[in-house]
Amino acid sequence: MNQQVGAITGPHAAERRRAALASARMNFHDPDAAPSERLNRILWHDARGWDVSYPTVKRSLFFPMSVDLSDEEREERDPDR
């Protein structure tokens, strides 16, 4: 069970509270409805620590179709989603 937001204390409590509120507002009932970039960042920091930088996107010359898109850009390119 998740901790109540007001009960989150300790190191990086402000960031952890913001992440808890953001994830509580996400739609997990519908497939792929949660904003993947934001959720990935929350999960990364929860697992690795709030002092650890989120990894940057690595570009590849060998696979030029690998493009980092935001969720909104994906929706614009794929209207059937």
N, C-alpha and C. Protein backbone atom coordinates (compact mmCIF):
# COMPACT_ATOMS: atom_id res chain seq x y z
N MET A 1 0.84 -1.18 0.00
CA MET A 1 0.00 0.00 0.00
C MET A 1 0.89 1.24 0.00
N ASN A 2 0.50 2.24 -0.76
CA ASN A 2 1.27 3.47 -0.84
C ASN A 2 1.07 4.31 0.42
N GLN A 3 2.10 5.05 0.73
CA GLN A 3 2.08 5.95 1.87
C GLN A 3 1.21 7.16 1.55
N GLN A 4 0.54 7.71 2.57
CA GLN A 4 -0.22 8.95 2.37
C GLN A 4 0.76 10.07 2.01
N VAL A 5 0.37 10.95 1.11
CA VAL A 5 1.28 12.00 0.64
C VAL A 5 1.77 12.86 1.79
N GLY A 6 0.89 13.20 2.71
CA GLY A 6 1.29 14.03 3.84
C GLY A 6 2.25 13.34 4.79
N ALA A 7 2.33 12.02 4.73
CA ALA A 7 3.21 11.26 5.61
C ALA A 7 4.60 11.06 5.02
N ILE A 8 4.82 11.53 3.80
CA ILE A 8 6.14 11.38 3.17
C ILE A 8 7.09 12.40 3.77
N THR A 9 8.12 11.91 4.42
CA THR A 9 9.13 12.77 5.05
C THR A 9 10.50 12.25 4.69
N GLY A 10 11.50 12.96 5.15
CA GLY A 10 12.87 12.50 4.93
C GLY A 10 13.51 13.19 3.75
N PRO A 11 14.63 12.62 3.28
CA PRO A 11 15.35 13.22 2.16
C PRO A 11 14.48 13.31 0.91
N HIS A 12 14.55 14.44 0.26
CA HIS A 12 13.83 14.68 -1.00
C HIS A 12 12.32 14.53 -0.85
N ALA A 13 11.80 14.86 0.32
CA ALA A 13 10.37 14.70 0.59
C ALA A 13 9.51 15.50 -0.39
N ALA A 14 9.93 16.72 -0.73
CA ALA A 14 9.14 17.56 -1.65
C ALA A 14 9.02 16.90 -3.02
N GLU A 15 10.14 16.39 -3.56
CA GLU A 15 10.11 15.72 -4.86
C GLU A 15 9.27 14.45 -4.79
N ARG A 16 9.41 13.71 -3.71
CA ARG A 16 8.66 12.46 -3.56
C ARG A 16 7.16 12.73 -3.43
N ARG A 17 6.79 13.82 -2.73
CA ARG A 17 5.37 14.18 -2.63
C ARG A 17 4.81 14.57 -3.99
N ARG A 18 5.56 15.38 -4.75
CA ARG A 18 5.10 15.78 -6.09
C ARG A 18 4.93 14.55 -6.98
N ALA A 19 5.86 13.61 -6.90
CA ALA A 19 5.78 12.39 -7.71
C ALA A 19 4.57 11.55 -7.28
N ALA A 20 4.32 11.47 -5.99
CA ALA A 20 3.17 10.69 -5.50
C ALA A 20 1.86 11.31 -5.98
N LEU A 21 1.75 12.63 -5.93
CA LEU A 21 0.54 13.30 -6.41
C LEU A 21 0.37 13.12 -7.91
N ALA A 22 1.48 13.26 -8.65
CA ALA A 22 1.41 13.11 -10.12
C ALA A 22 0.99 11.70 -10.50
N SER A 23 1.56 10.70 -9.84
CA SER A 23 1.21 9.32 -10.20
C SER A 23 -0.21 8.96 -9.75
N ALA A 24 -0.69 9.58 -8.68
CA ALA A 24 -2.06 9.33 -8.23
C ALA A 24 -3.08 9.87 -9.23
N ARG A 25 -2.69 10.88 -9.99
CA ARG A 25 -3.59 11.47 -10.99
C ARG A 25 -3.54 10.75 -12.35
N MET A 26 -2.60 9.84 -12.50
CA MET A 26 -2.44 9.15 -13.79
C MET A 26 -3.52 8.08 -13.98
N ASN A 27 -3.88 7.87 -15.23
CA ASN A 27 -4.89 6.88 -15.59
C ASN A 27 -4.20 5.54 -15.83
N PHE A 28 -4.39 4.61 -14.89
CA PHE A 28 -3.84 3.27 -15.03
C PHE A 28 -4.92 2.25 -15.42
N HIS A 29 -6.14 2.73 -15.61
CA HIS A 29 -7.25 1.84 -15.96
C HIS A 29 -7.24 1.49 -17.44
N ASP A 30 -6.80 2.41 -18.27
CA ASP A 30 -6.75 2.19 -19.72
C ASP A 30 -5.31 1.93 -20.14
N PRO A 31 -5.10 0.99 -21.04
CA PRO A 31 -3.72 0.69 -21.49
C PRO A 31 -3.04 1.92 -22.10
N ASP A 32 -1.82 2.14 -21.72
CA ASP A 32 -0.98 3.22 -22.27
C ASP A 32 -1.56 4.61 -22.08
N ALA A 33 -2.43 4.80 -21.11
CA ALA A 33 -3.03 6.12 -20.89
C ALA A 33 -2.15 7.00 -19.98
N ALA A 34 -1.33 6.39 -19.15
CA ALA A 34 -0.45 7.16 -18.27
C ALA A 34 0.67 7.77 -19.10
N PRO A 35 1.07 9.00 -18.78
CA PRO A 35 2.17 9.64 -19.53
C PRO A 35 3.49 8.91 -19.28
N SER A 36 3.97 8.21 -20.27
CA SER A 36 5.12 7.32 -20.09
C SER A 36 6.39 8.04 -19.65
N GLU A 37 6.66 9.20 -20.22
CA GLU A 37 7.89 9.91 -19.86
C GLU A 37 7.88 10.30 -18.38
N ARG A 38 6.79 10.85 -17.92
CA ARG A 38 6.70 11.26 -16.51
C ARG A 38 6.75 10.05 -15.59
N LEU A 39 6.01 9.01 -15.93
CA LEU A 39 5.99 7.80 -15.11
C LEU A 39 7.37 7.15 -15.07
N ASN A 40 8.06 7.08 -16.19
CA ASN A 40 9.41 6.51 -16.22
C ASN A 40 10.36 7.28 -15.31
N ARG A 41 10.25 8.60 -15.31
CA ARG A 41 11.11 9.41 -14.44
C ARG A 41 10.81 9.15 -12.96
N ILE A 42 9.54 9.05 -12.63
CA ILE A 42 9.16 8.78 -11.24
C ILE A 42 9.70 7.42 -10.81
N LEU A 43 9.51 6.41 -11.64
CA LEU A 43 9.97 5.06 -11.30
C LEU A 43 11.50 4.99 -11.23
N TRP A 44 12.17 5.71 -12.14
CA TRP A 44 13.64 5.74 -12.12
C TRP A 44 14.14 6.29 -10.79
N HIS A 45 13.62 7.46 -10.43
CA HIS A 45 14.10 8.10 -9.20
C HIS A 45 13.71 7.31 -7.96
N ASP A 46 12.55 6.68 -7.97
CA ASP A 46 12.15 5.87 -6.83
C ASP A 46 13.08 4.67 -6.67
N ALA A 47 13.49 4.07 -7.77
CA ALA A 47 14.36 2.89 -7.72
C ALA A 47 15.83 3.25 -7.50
N ARG A 48 16.30 4.30 -8.19
CA ARG A 48 17.73 4.63 -8.17
C ARG A 48 18.11 5.69 -7.15
N GLY A 49 17.14 6.49 -6.74
CA GLY A 49 17.41 7.57 -5.80
C GLY A 49 17.16 8.91 -6.45
N TRP A 50 16.76 9.86 -5.64
CA TRP A 50 16.40 11.18 -6.17
C TRP A 50 17.61 12.03 -6.47
N ASP A 51 18.79 11.58 -6.06
CA ASP A 51 20.03 12.30 -6.38
C ASP A 51 20.63 11.84 -7.71
N VAL A 52 20.16 10.72 -8.24
CA VAL A 52 20.72 10.15 -9.46
C VAL A 52 20.01 10.77 -10.67
N SER A 53 20.78 11.26 -11.61
CA SER A 53 20.23 11.89 -12.81
C SER A 53 19.53 10.86 -13.69
N TYR A 54 18.43 11.30 -14.28
CA TYR A 54 17.71 10.45 -15.24
C TYR A 54 18.57 10.34 -16.49
N PRO A 55 18.73 9.15 -17.06
CA PRO A 55 19.61 9.00 -18.22
C PRO A 55 19.09 9.74 -19.44
N THR A 56 20.00 10.23 -20.23
CA THR A 56 19.62 10.93 -21.46
C THR A 56 19.36 9.93 -22.57
N VAL A 57 18.66 10.37 -23.59
CA VAL A 57 18.38 9.52 -24.74
C VAL A 57 19.64 9.42 -25.58
N LYS A 58 20.00 8.22 -25.92
CA LYS A 58 21.19 8.02 -26.76
C LYS A 58 20.74 7.89 -28.21
N ARG A 59 21.41 8.60 -29.05
CA ARG A 59 21.10 8.56 -30.49
C ARG A 59 22.00 7.53 -31.16
N SER A 60 21.49 6.94 -32.21
CA SER A 60 22.26 5.93 -32.92
C SER A 60 22.32 6.27 -34.40
N LEU A 61 23.49 6.20 -34.97
CA LEU A 61 23.63 6.41 -36.40
C LEU A 61 23.15 5.20 -37.19
N PHE A 62 23.12 4.05 -36.53
CA PHE A 62 22.77 2.82 -37.22
C PHE A 62 21.27 2.56 -37.28
N PHE A 63 20.52 3.27 -36.46
CA PHE A 63 19.07 3.08 -36.46
C PHE A 63 18.41 4.45 -36.40
N PRO A 64 18.39 5.15 -37.54
CA PRO A 64 17.89 6.53 -37.54
C PRO A 64 16.39 6.64 -37.26
N MET A 65 15.65 5.53 -37.32
CA MET A 65 14.22 5.60 -37.04
C MET A 65 13.95 5.68 -35.54
N SER A 66 14.97 5.49 -34.73
CA SER A 66 14.82 5.58 -33.28
C SER A 66 14.80 7.04 -32.88
N VAL A 67 13.61 7.56 -32.68
CA VAL A 67 13.44 8.98 -32.37
C VAL A 67 12.70 9.10 -31.05
N ASP A 68 13.17 9.99 -30.19
CA ASP A 68 12.51 10.22 -28.92
C ASP A 68 11.35 11.19 -29.13
N LEU A 69 10.14 10.73 -28.91
CA LEU A 69 8.95 11.57 -29.05
C LEU A 69 8.24 11.67 -27.71
N SER A 70 7.66 12.81 -27.46
CA SER A 70 6.82 12.93 -26.26
C SER A 70 5.51 12.22 -26.52
N ASP A 71 4.75 11.96 -25.46
CA ASP A 71 3.46 11.28 -25.63
C ASP A 71 2.53 12.07 -26.53
N GLU A 72 2.56 13.41 -26.42
CA GLU A 72 1.69 14.24 -27.25
C GLU A 72 2.07 14.13 -28.73
N GLU A 73 3.37 14.08 -29.01
CA GLU A 73 3.82 13.95 -30.40
C GLU A 73 3.43 12.59 -30.97
N ARG A 74 3.50 11.55 -30.16
CA ARG A 74 3.08 10.23 -30.62
C ARG A 74 1.60 10.22 -30.98
N GLU A 75 0.77 10.87 -30.15
CA GLU A 75 -0.65 10.93 -30.41
C GLU A 75 -0.95 11.69 -31.71
N GLU A 76 -0.17 12.75 -31.96
CA GLU A 76 -0.36 13.51 -33.20
C GLU A 76 -0.02 12.66 -34.42
N ARG A 77 1.02 11.84 -34.31
CA ARG A 77 1.46 11.01 -35.45
C ARG A 77 0.59 9.76 -35.62
N ASP A 78 -0.01 9.30 -34.52
CA ASP A 78 -0.83 8.09 -34.57
C ASP A 78 -2.21 8.42 -34.01
N PRO A 79 -3.10 8.97 -34.81
CA PRO A 79 -4.40 9.41 -34.30
C PRO A 79 -5.30 8.26 -33.86
N ASP A 80 -4.98 7.02 -34.20
CA ASP A 80 -5.81 5.88 -33.80
C ASP A 80 -5.58 5.46 -32.36
N ARG A 81 -4.57 6.01 -31.71
CA ARG A 81 -4.27 5.68 -30.31
C ARG A 81 -5.31 6.19 -29.38
